Amino acid sequence: MCPHDPVCPSAEAPDREAARTLASHPEQGWSLLCNGVVLFEDTGELLPSGTVIAPHRPAVGAA
């Protein structure tokens, strides 16, 4: 399905966020990736299967 070379990671792959962006809507806070994943600016994700991945921002270390 992916026309890129090398092929983008699948929606089920742990590195799914590395897929190329097909559509970007920063004014609405989301992007559609080549693998069908909708990536939200808060780092949450909606997979093509309907599975929701909660936001997973890295923890900020104490100074």
PDB file of N, CA and C in Angstrom:
ATOM      1  N   MET A   1       0.822  -1.194   0.000  1.00  0.00           N
ATOM      2  CA  MET A   1       0.000   0.000   0.000  1.00  0.00           C
ATOM      3  C   MET A   1       0.872   1.267   0.000  1.00  0.00           C
ATOM      4  N   CYS A   2       1.955   1.260   0.741  1.00  0.00           N
ATOM      5  CA  CYS A   2       2.834   2.424   0.818  1.00  0.00           C
ATOM      6  C   CYS A   2       3.688   2.516  -0.448  1.00  0.00           C
ATOM      7  N   PRO A   3       3.684   3.670  -1.126  1.00  0.00           N
ATOM      8  CA  PRO A   3       4.480   3.814  -2.347  1.00  0.00           C
ATOM      9  C   PRO A   3       5.925   4.248  -2.098  1.00  0.00           C
ATOM     10  N   HIS A   4       6.301   4.449  -0.845  1.00  0.00           N
ATOM     11  CA  HIS A   4       7.636   4.959  -0.539  1.00  0.00           C
ATOM     12  C   HIS A   4       8.682   3.849  -0.531  1.00  0.00           C
ATOM     13  N   ASP A   5       9.922   4.244  -0.784  1.00  0.00           N
ATOM     14  CA  ASP A   5      11.037   3.310  -0.740  1.00  0.00           C
ATOM     15  C   ASP A   5      12.103   3.917   0.149  1.00  0.00           C
ATOM     16  N   PRO A   6      12.400   3.369   1.298  1.00  0.00           N
ATOM     17  CA  PRO A   6      11.848   2.148   1.854  1.00  0.00           C
ATOM     18  C   PRO A   6      10.408   2.350   2.318  1.00  0.00           C
ATOM     19  N   VAL A   7       9.709   1.232   2.449  1.00  0.00           N
ATOM     20  CA  VAL A   7       8.300   1.247   2.832  1.00  0.00           C
ATOM     21  C   VAL A   7       8.147   1.783   4.256  1.00  0.00           C
ATOM     22  N   CYS A   8       7.114   2.580   4.477  1.00  0.00           N
ATOM     23  CA  CYS A   8       6.832   3.125   5.808  1.00  0.00           C
ATOM     24  C   CYS A   8       6.442   1.994   6.766  1.00  0.00           C
ATOM     25  N   PRO A   9       6.704   2.175   8.071  1.00  0.00           N
ATOM     26  CA  PRO A   9       6.307   1.161   9.050  1.00  0.00           C
ATOM     27  C   PRO A   9       4.785   1.005   9.062  1.00  0.00           C
ATOM     28  N   SER A  10       4.318  -0.195   9.341  1.00  0.00           N
ATOM     29  CA  SER A  10       2.880  -0.443   9.394  1.00  0.00           C
ATOM     30  C   SER A  10       2.272   0.235  10.622  1.00  0.00           C
ATOM     31  N   ALA A  11       0.963   0.318  10.654  1.00  0.00           N
ATOM     32  CA  ALA A  11       0.260   0.937  11.776  1.00  0.00           C
ATOM     33  C   ALA A  11       0.431   0.136  13.059  1.00  0.00           C
ATOM     34  N   GLU A  12       0.772  -1.150  12.943  1.00  0.00           N
ATOM     35  CA  GLU A  12       0.947  -2.002  14.115  1.00  0.00           C
ATOM     36  C   GLU A  12       2.389  -2.008  14.621  1.00  0.00           C
ATOM     37  N   ALA A  13       3.309  -1.461  13.847  1.00  0.00           N
ATOM     38  CA  ALA A  13       4.725  -1.469  14.212  1.00  0.00           C
ATOM     39  C   ALA A  13       5.001  -0.488  15.356  1.00  0.00           C
ATOM     40  N   PRO A  14       5.968  -0.810  16.209  1.00  0.00           N
ATOM     41  CA  PRO A  14       6.306   0.102  17.312  1.00  0.00           C
ATOM     42  C   PRO A  14       6.791   1.473  16.833  1.00  0.00           C
ATOM     43  N   ASP A  15       7.371   1.532  15.630  1.00  0.00           N
ATOM     44  CA  ASP A  15       7.872   2.804  15.098  1.00  0.00           C
ATOM     45  C   ASP A  15       6.904   3.423  14.088  1.00  0.00           C
ATOM     46  N   ARG A  16       5.602   3.177  14.263  1.00  0.00           N
ATOM     47  CA  ARG A  16       4.571   3.642  13.317  1.00  0.00           C
ATOM     48  C   ARG A  16       4.598   5.145  13.085  1.00  0.00           C
ATOM     49  N   GLU A  17       5.073   5.929  14.055  1.00  0.00           N
ATOM     50  CA  GLU A  17       5.112   7.392  13.910  1.00  0.00           C
ATOM     51  C   GLU A  17       6.162   7.846  12.906  1.00  0.00           C
ATOM     52  N   ALA A  18       7.029   6.934  12.464  1.00  0.00           N
ATOM     53  CA  ALA A  18       8.074   7.274  11.492  1.00  0.00           C
ATOM     54  C   ALA A  18       7.545   7.288  10.058  1.00  0.00           C
ATOM     55  N   ALA A  19       6.291   6.897   9.852  1.00  0.00           N
ATOM     56  CA  ALA A  19       5.705   6.924   8.506  1.00  0.00           C
ATOM     57  C   ALA A  19       5.617   8.368   8.012  1.00  0.00           C
ATOM     58  N   ARG A  20       5.627   8.538   6.718  1.00  0.00           N
ATOM     59  CA  ARG A  20       5.559   9.883   6.131  1.00  0.00           C
ATOM     60  C   ARG A  20       4.172  10.495   6.307  1.00  0.00           C
ATOM     61  N   THR A  21       4.147  11.809   6.395  1.00  0.00           N
ATOM     62  CA  THR A  21       2.896  12.542   6.545  1.00  0.00           C
ATOM     63  C   THR A  21       2.240  12.723   5.178  1.00  0.00           C
ATOM     64  N   LEU A  22       0.966  12.331   5.078  1.00  0.00           N
ATOM     65  CA  LEU A  22       0.207  12.526   3.838  1.00  0.00           C
ATOM     66  C   LEU A  22      -0.586  13.823   3.879  1.00  0.00           C
ATOM     67  N   ALA A  23      -1.149  14.134   5.043  1.00  0.00           N
ATOM     68  CA  ALA A  23      -1.942  15.356   5.201  1.00  0.00           C
ATOM     69  C   ALA A  23      -1.657  15.925   6.585  1.00  0.00           C
ATOM     70  N   SER A  24      -1.428  17.212   6.640  1.00  0.00           N
ATOM     71  CA  SER A  24      -1.142  17.880   7.902  1.00  0.00           C
ATOM     72  C   SER A  24      -2.154  18.988   8.125  1.00  0.00           C
ATOM     73  N   HIS A  25      -2.750  18.993   9.300  1.00  0.00           N
ATOM     74  CA  HIS A  25      -3.732  20.019   9.672  1.00  0.00           C
ATOM     75  C   HIS A  25      -3.363  20.579  11.049  1.00  0.00           C
ATOM     76  N   PRO A  26      -2.271  21.348  11.116  1.00  0.00           N
ATOM     77  CA  PRO A  26      -1.830  21.868  12.417  1.00  0.00           C
ATOM     78  C   PRO A  26      -2.864  22.780  13.072  1.00  0.00           C
ATOM     79  N   GLU A  27      -3.681  23.432  12.271  1.00  0.00           N
ATOM     80  CA  GLU A  27      -4.710  24.301  12.846  1.00  0.00           C
ATOM     81  C   GLU A  27      -5.766  23.497  13.591  1.00  0.00           C
ATOM     82  N   GLN A  28      -5.876  22.202  13.256  1.00  0.00           N
ATOM     83  CA  GLN A  28      -6.815  21.311  13.938  1.00  0.00           C
ATOM     84  C   GLN A  28      -6.100  20.348  14.875  1.00  0.00           C
ATOM     85  N   GLY A  29      -4.761  20.318  14.807  1.00  0.00           N
ATOM     86  CA  GLY A  29      -3.980  19.516  15.740  1.00  0.00           C
ATOM     87  C   GLY A  29      -3.780  18.063  15.360  1.00  0.00           C
ATOM     88  N   TRP A  30      -3.835  17.728  14.064  1.00  0.00           N
ATOM     89  CA  TRP A  30      -3.634  16.331  13.671  1.00  0.00           C
ATOM     90  C   TRP A  30      -2.981  16.220  12.301  1.00  0.00           C
ATOM     91  N   SER A  31      -2.396  15.038  12.066  1.00  0.00           N
ATOM     92  CA  SER A  31      -1.795  14.708  10.779  1.00  0.00           C
ATOM     93  C   SER A  31      -2.161  13.273  10.428  1.00  0.00           C
ATOM     94  N   LEU A  32      -2.303  12.999   9.131  1.00  0.00           N
ATOM     95  CA  LEU A  32      -2.552  11.647   8.642  1.00  0.00           C
ATOM     96  C   LEU A  32      -1.253  11.104   8.082  1.00  0.00           C
ATOM     97  N   LEU A  33      -0.836   9.947   8.582  1.00  0.00           N
ATOM     98  CA  LEU A  33       0.396   9.327   8.128  1.00  0.00           C
ATOM     99  C   LEU A  33       0.107   8.316   7.025  1.00  0.00           C
ATOM    100  N   CYS A  34       1.134   7.956   6.279  1.00  0.00           N
ATOM    101  CA  CYS A  34       1.026   7.051   5.143  1.00  0.00           C
ATOM    102  C   CYS A  34       0.438   5.691   5.534  1.00  0.00           C
ATOM    103  N   ASN A  35       0.672   5.264   6.761  1.00  0.00           N
ATOM    104  CA  ASN A  35       0.185   3.960   7.211  1.00  0.00           C
ATOM    105  C   ASN A  35      -1.248   4.012   7.751  1.00  0.00           C
ATOM    106  N   GLY A  36      -1.911   5.160   7.610  1.00  0.00           N
ATOM    107  CA  GLY A  36      -3.299   5.287   8.041  1.00  0.00           C
ATOM    108  C   GLY A  36      -3.482   5.756   9.467  1.00  0.00           C
ATOM    109  N   VAL A  37      -2.400   5.992  10.174  1.00  0.00           N
ATOM    110  CA  VAL A  37      -2.461   6.463  11.556  1.00  0.00           C
ATOM    111  C   VAL A  37      -2.763   7.960  11.567  1.00  0.00           C
ATOM    112  N   VAL A  38      -3.686   8.371  12.433  1.00  0.00           N
ATOM    113  CA  VAL A  38      -3.930   9.793  12.669  1.00  0.00           C
ATOM    114  C   VAL A  38      -3.138  10.143  13.919  1.00  0.00           C
ATOM    115  N   LEU A  39      -2.199  11.058  13.760  1.00  0.00           N
ATOM    116  CA  LEU A  39      -1.312  11.465  14.846  1.00  0.00           C
ATOM    117  C   LEU A  39      -1.745  12.848  15.326  1.00  0.00           C
ATOM    118  N   PHE A  40      -2.022  12.954  16.628  1.00  0.00           N
ATOM    119  CA  PHE A  40      -2.475  14.217  17.207  1.00  0.00           C
ATOM    120  C   PHE A  40      -1.302  14.963  17.827  1.00  0.00           C
ATOM    121  N   GLU A  41      -1.407  16.284  17.913  1.00  0.00           N
ATOM    122  CA  GLU A  41      -0.293  17.094  18.406  1.00  0.00           C
ATOM    123  C   GLU A  41       0.050  16.799  19.863  1.00  0.00           C
ATOM    124  N   ASP A  42      -0.880  16.218  20.626  1.00  0.00           N
ATOM    125  CA  ASP A  42      -0.579  15.853  22.013  1.00  0.00           C
ATOM    126  C   ASP A  42       0.094  14.487  22.104  1.00  0.00           C
ATOM    127  N   THR A  43       0.481  13.917  20.966  1.00  0.00           N
ATOM    128  CA  THR A  43       1.140  12.621  20.776  1.00  0.00           C
ATOM    129  C   THR A  43       0.193  11.435  20.903  1.00  0.00           C
ATOM    130  N   GLY A  44      -1.097  11.668  21.027  1.00  0.00           N
ATOM    131  CA  GLY A  44      -2.065  10.577  20.969  1.00  0.00           C
ATOM    132  C   GLY A  44      -2.191  10.111  19.522  1.00  0.00           C
ATOM    133  N   GLU A  45      -2.718   8.897  19.343  1.00  0.00           N
ATOM    134  CA  GLU A  45      -2.839   8.338  18.003  1.00  0.00           C
ATOM    135  C   GLU A  45      -4.174   7.606  17.858  1.00  0.00           C
ATOM    136  N   LEU A  46      -4.673   7.577  16.638  1.00  0.00           N
ATOM    137  CA  LEU A  46      -5.831   6.779  16.279  1.00  0.00           C
ATOM    138  C   LEU A  46      -5.378   5.860  15.154  1.00  0.00           C
ATOM    139  N   LEU A  47      -5.397   4.551  15.410  1.00  0.00           N
ATOM    140  CA  LEU A  47      -4.942   3.583  14.422  1.00  0.00           C
ATOM    141  C   LEU A  47      -6.078   3.259  13.455  1.00  0.00           C
ATOM    142  N   PRO A  48      -5.762   2.753  12.271  1.00  0.00           N
ATOM    143  CA  PRO A  48      -6.800   2.418  11.288  1.00  0.00           C
ATOM    144  C   PRO A  48      -7.818   1.409  11.818  1.00  0.00           C
ATOM    145  N   SER A  49      -7.413   0.580  12.766  1.00  0.00           N
ATOM    146  CA  SER A  49      -8.313  -0.420  13.348  1.00  0.00           C
ATOM    147  C   SER A  49      -9.323   0.197  14.307  1.00  0.00           C
ATOM    148  N   GLY A  50      -9.127   1.473  14.652  1.00  0.00           N
ATOM    149  CA  GLY A  50      -9.992   2.143  15.619  1.00  0.00           C
ATOM    150  C   GLY A  50      -9.394   2.172  17.014  1.00  0.00           C
ATOM    151  N   THR A  51      -8.249   1.537  17.193  1.00  0.00           N
ATOM    152  CA  THR A  51      -7.563   1.535  18.483  1.00  0.00           C
ATOM    153  C   THR A  51      -7.030   2.928  18.789  1.00  0.00           C
ATOM    154  N   VAL A  52      -7.223   3.351  20.031  1.00  0.00           N
ATOM    155  CA  VAL A  52      -6.738   4.660  20.472  1.00  0.00           C
ATOM    156  C   VAL A  52      -5.478   4.450  21.296  1.00  0.00           C
ATOM    157  N   ILE A  53      -4.441   5.200  20.970  1.00  0.00           N
ATOM    158  CA  ILE A  53      -3.197   5.188  21.740  1.00  0.00           C
ATOM    159  C   ILE A  53      -3.156   6.494  22.527  1.00  0.00           C
ATOM    160  N   ALA A  54      -3.079   6.380  23.837  1.00  0.00           N
ATOM    161  CA  ALA A  54      -3.078   7.565  24.698  1.00  0.00           C
ATOM    162  C   ALA A  54      -1.831   8.403  24.426  1.00  0.00           C
ATOM    163  N   PRO A  55      -1.914   9.716  24.693  1.00  0.00           N
ATOM    164  CA  PRO A  55      -0.733  10.565  24.540  1.00  0.00           C
ATOM    165  C   PRO A  55       0.435  10.007  25.334  1.00  0.00           C
ATOM    166  N   HIS A  56       1.622  10.101  24.765  1.00  0.00           N
ATOM    167  CA  HIS A  56       2.798   9.535  25.415  1.00  0.00           C
ATOM    168  C   HIS A  56       3.985  10.479  25.321  1.00  0.00           C
ATOM    169  N   ARG A  57       3.761  11.659  25.839  1.00  0.00           N
ATOM    170  CA  ARG A  57       4.845  12.647  25.870  1.00  0.00           C
ATOM    171  C   ARG A  57       5.922  12.170  26.828  1.00  0.00           C
ATOM    172  N   PRO A  58       7.180  12.438  26.495  1.00  0.00           N
ATOM    173  CA  PRO A  58       8.257  12.036  27.419  1.00  0.00           C
ATOM    174  C   PRO A  58       8.181  12.831  28.722  1.00  0.00           C
ATOM    175  N   ALA A  59       8.514  12.169  29.806  1.00  0.00           N
ATOM    176  CA  ALA A  59       8.523  12.844  31.108  1.00  0.00           C
ATOM    177  C   ALA A  59       9.665  13.842  31.152  1.00  0.00           C
ATOM    178  N   VAL A  60       9.427  14.994  31.720  1.00  0.00           N
ATOM    179  CA  VAL A  60      10.454  16.021  31.847  1.00  0.00           C
ATOM    180  C   VAL A  60      11.205  15.747  33.162  1.00  0.00           C
ATOM    181  N   GLY A  61      12.513  15.649  33.072  1.00  0.00           N
ATOM    182  CA  GLY A  61      13.330  15.355  34.258  1.00  0.00           C
ATOM    183  C   GLY A  61      13.447  16.570  35.163  1.00  0.00           C
ATOM    184  N   ALA A  62      13.592  16.308  36.445  1.00  0.00           N
ATOM    185  CA  ALA A  62      13.774  17.399  37.419  1.00  0.00           C
ATOM    186  C   ALA A  62      15.197  17.942  37.288  1.00  0.00           C
ATOM    187  N   ALA A  63      15.350  19.231  37.481  1.00  0.00           N
ATOM    188  CA  ALA A  63      16.665  19.861  37.359  1.00  0.00           C
ATOM    189  C   ALA A  63      17.465  19.713  38.626  1.00  0.00           C
TER     190      ALA A  63
END
